[in-house]
Amino acid sequence: MSLDTAWQVAIEFAQISLLAFGGGSSVLPEMHRRVVEANAWATSAEFSEMTGLAQAAPGPNILVVSLIGWKVAAFPGALAAYLGMCVPSSLLVYAFSRFWERRRQSRWSLMLQSSLAPITIGLALASAYLI
């Protein structure tokens, strides 16, 4: 596999990472759609196997992205998938937390905080349905 493929993996997972409210499991349906249906990098059965293996392994369950990246483009793909999944959301959280600390008690921040809970629950239920 080429480095172009690894870059494509990184871009796909970078986009997915920005949707990951509630952790990596909450975006499994979107990850499945992109990996299996949109890019045909794996079959649905392979995706389920990789997800199960990542869940069984010690450590964060987001390790599934490394397994997918490895399947697509060996070590460069695994590294690209992991960095694509972790770096954008980490940078966003860092920037947002600095902003949030300055405006913690405002009315809109309390409203936003209470509205994200149902979204997170819905994404987790969609993941449970898929698996």
Protein backbone atom coordinates (compact mmCIF):
# COMPACT_ATOMS: atom_id res chain seq x y z
CA MET A 1 0.00 0.00 0.00
CA SER A 2 1.12 3.51 -0.66
CA LEU A 3 1.50 6.52 1.56
CA ASP A 4 -1.45 8.03 -0.31
CA THR A 5 -3.62 5.32 1.19
CA ALA A 6 -2.24 6.05 4.65
CA TRP A 7 -3.05 9.74 4.17
CA GLN A 8 -6.58 8.83 3.10
CA VAL A 9 -6.95 6.72 6.26
CA ALA A 10 -5.68 9.63 8.38
CA ILE A 11 -8.13 12.05 6.78
CA GLU A 12 -11.10 9.71 7.22
CA PHE A 13 -10.33 9.13 10.89
CA ALA A 14 -9.57 12.80 11.51
CA GLN A 15 -13.06 13.63 10.31
CA ILE A 16 -14.57 10.86 12.43
CA SER A 17 -12.67 12.00 15.52
CA LEU A 18 -14.43 15.35 15.45
CA LEU A 19 -17.76 13.54 15.83
CA ALA A 20 -16.68 11.44 18.82
CA PHE A 21 -18.80 12.92 21.60
CA GLY A 22 -18.86 10.32 24.37
CA GLY A 23 -15.75 8.44 23.31
CA GLY A 24 -14.67 6.31 20.39
CA SER A 25 -17.49 3.80 20.73
CA SER A 26 -20.03 6.48 19.95
CA VAL A 27 -18.72 6.80 16.39
CA LEU A 28 -18.60 3.09 15.53
CA PRO A 29 -21.62 3.38 13.19
CA GLU A 30 -19.96 6.18 11.21
CA MET A 31 -16.65 4.34 11.28
CA HIS A 32 -18.41 1.24 9.93
CA ARG A 33 -20.06 3.26 7.18
CA ARG A 34 -16.79 4.77 6.02
CA VAL A 35 -14.61 1.67 6.38
CA VAL A 36 -17.04 -0.93 5.04
CA GLU A 37 -19.50 0.86 2.79
CA ALA A 38 -17.75 3.99 1.50
CA ASN A 39 -14.15 2.77 1.07
CA ALA A 40 -14.52 -1.04 1.11
CA TRP A 41 -11.41 -1.39 3.26
CA ALA A 42 -12.99 -4.28 5.18
CA THR A 43 -16.09 -6.43 5.14
CA SER A 44 -18.73 -6.08 7.82
CA ALA A 45 -17.53 -9.33 9.40
CA GLU A 46 -13.92 -8.13 9.44
CA PHE A 47 -15.00 -4.84 10.99
CA SER A 48 -16.85 -6.72 13.73
CA GLU A 49 -13.83 -8.96 14.35
CA MET A 50 -11.49 -5.98 14.66
CA THR A 51 -13.94 -4.20 16.98
CA GLY A 52 -14.25 -7.31 19.16
CA LEU A 53 -10.48 -7.72 19.33
CA ALA A 54 -10.02 -4.07 20.30
CA GLN A 55 -12.69 -4.43 23.01
CA ALA A 56 -11.02 -7.56 24.40
CA ALA A 57 -7.50 -6.09 24.44
CA PRO A 58 -6.39 -4.10 27.47
CA GLY A 59 -6.25 -0.37 26.96
CA PRO A 60 -8.53 2.08 25.21
CA ASN A 61 -11.19 0.57 22.96
CA ILE A 62 -10.29 3.07 20.24
CA LEU A 63 -7.45 0.71 19.32
CA VAL A 64 -9.80 -0.56 16.62
CA VAL A 65 -8.65 2.32 14.40
CA SER A 66 -5.09 1.00 14.50
CA LEU A 67 -6.30 -2.44 13.48
CA ILE A 68 -8.25 -0.97 10.58
CA GLY A 69 -5.29 1.17 9.54
CA TRP A 70 -3.00 -1.88 9.70
CA LYS A 71 -5.36 -3.86 7.47
CA VAL A 72 -5.49 -1.03 4.93
CA ALA A 73 -1.86 0.11 4.79
CA ALA A 74 0.26 -1.89 7.28
CA PHE A 75 2.29 0.13 9.82
CA PRO A 76 1.91 3.53 8.09
CA GLY A 77 -1.85 2.95 7.99
CA ALA A 78 -2.02 1.98 11.66
CA LEU A 79 -0.05 5.05 12.68
CA ALA A 80 -2.08 7.31 10.37
CA ALA A 81 -5.39 5.95 11.69
CA TYR A 82 -4.36 6.33 15.32
CA LEU A 83 -3.01 9.86 14.87
CA GLY A 84 -5.98 10.81 12.69
CA MET A 85 -8.37 9.64 15.39
CA CYS A 86 -6.55 11.18 18.37
CA VAL A 87 -4.84 14.41 17.29
CA PRO A 88 -7.73 16.51 15.88
CA SER A 89 -10.10 15.81 18.76
CA SER A 90 -7.33 16.32 21.33
CA LEU A 91 -6.45 19.72 19.85
CA LEU A 92 -10.11 20.70 19.71
CA VAL A 93 -10.68 19.67 23.33
CA TYR A 94 -7.61 21.56 24.46
CA ALA A 95 -8.67 24.75 22.70
CA PHE A 96 -12.28 24.43 23.82
CA SER A 97 -11.35 23.75 27.46
CA ARG A 98 -9.33 26.95 27.60
CA PHE A 99 -12.30 28.84 26.15
CA TRP A 100 -14.79 27.07 28.42
CA GLU A 101 -12.92 27.86 31.65
CA ARG A 102 -13.32 31.56 30.98
CA ARG A 103 -17.10 31.29 30.42
CA ARG A 104 -18.06 28.40 32.71
CA GLN A 105 -21.05 29.97 34.46
CA SER A 106 -22.72 31.70 31.50
CA ARG A 107 -26.27 30.75 30.60
CA TRP A 108 -25.43 29.38 27.14
CA SER A 109 -22.65 27.14 28.49
CA LEU A 110 -25.01 25.51 31.00
CA MET A 111 -27.60 25.01 28.25
CA LEU A 112 -25.04 23.49 25.90
CA GLN A 113 -23.75 21.16 28.59
CA SER A 114 -27.23 19.80 29.32
CA SER A 115 -28.04 19.36 25.61
CA LEU A 116 -24.95 17.23 24.85
CA ALA A 117 -26.03 14.42 27.21
CA PRO A 118 -28.92 13.14 25.01
CA ILE A 119 -26.70 13.33 21.92
CA THR A 120 -24.05 11.20 23.60
CA ILE A 121 -26.65 8.66 24.73
CA GLY A 122 -28.08 8.46 21.21
CA LEU A 123 -24.66 7.85 19.67
CA ALA A 124 -23.90 5.14 22.25
CA LEU A 125 -27.25 3.43 21.52
CA ALA A 126 -26.52 3.54 17.77
CA SER A 127 -23.18 1.86 18.45
CA ALA A 128 -24.85 -0.84 20.54
CA TYR A 129 -27.36 -1.46 17.75
CA LEU A 130 -24.61 -1.81 15.15
CA ILE A 131 -22.49 -4.21 17.21
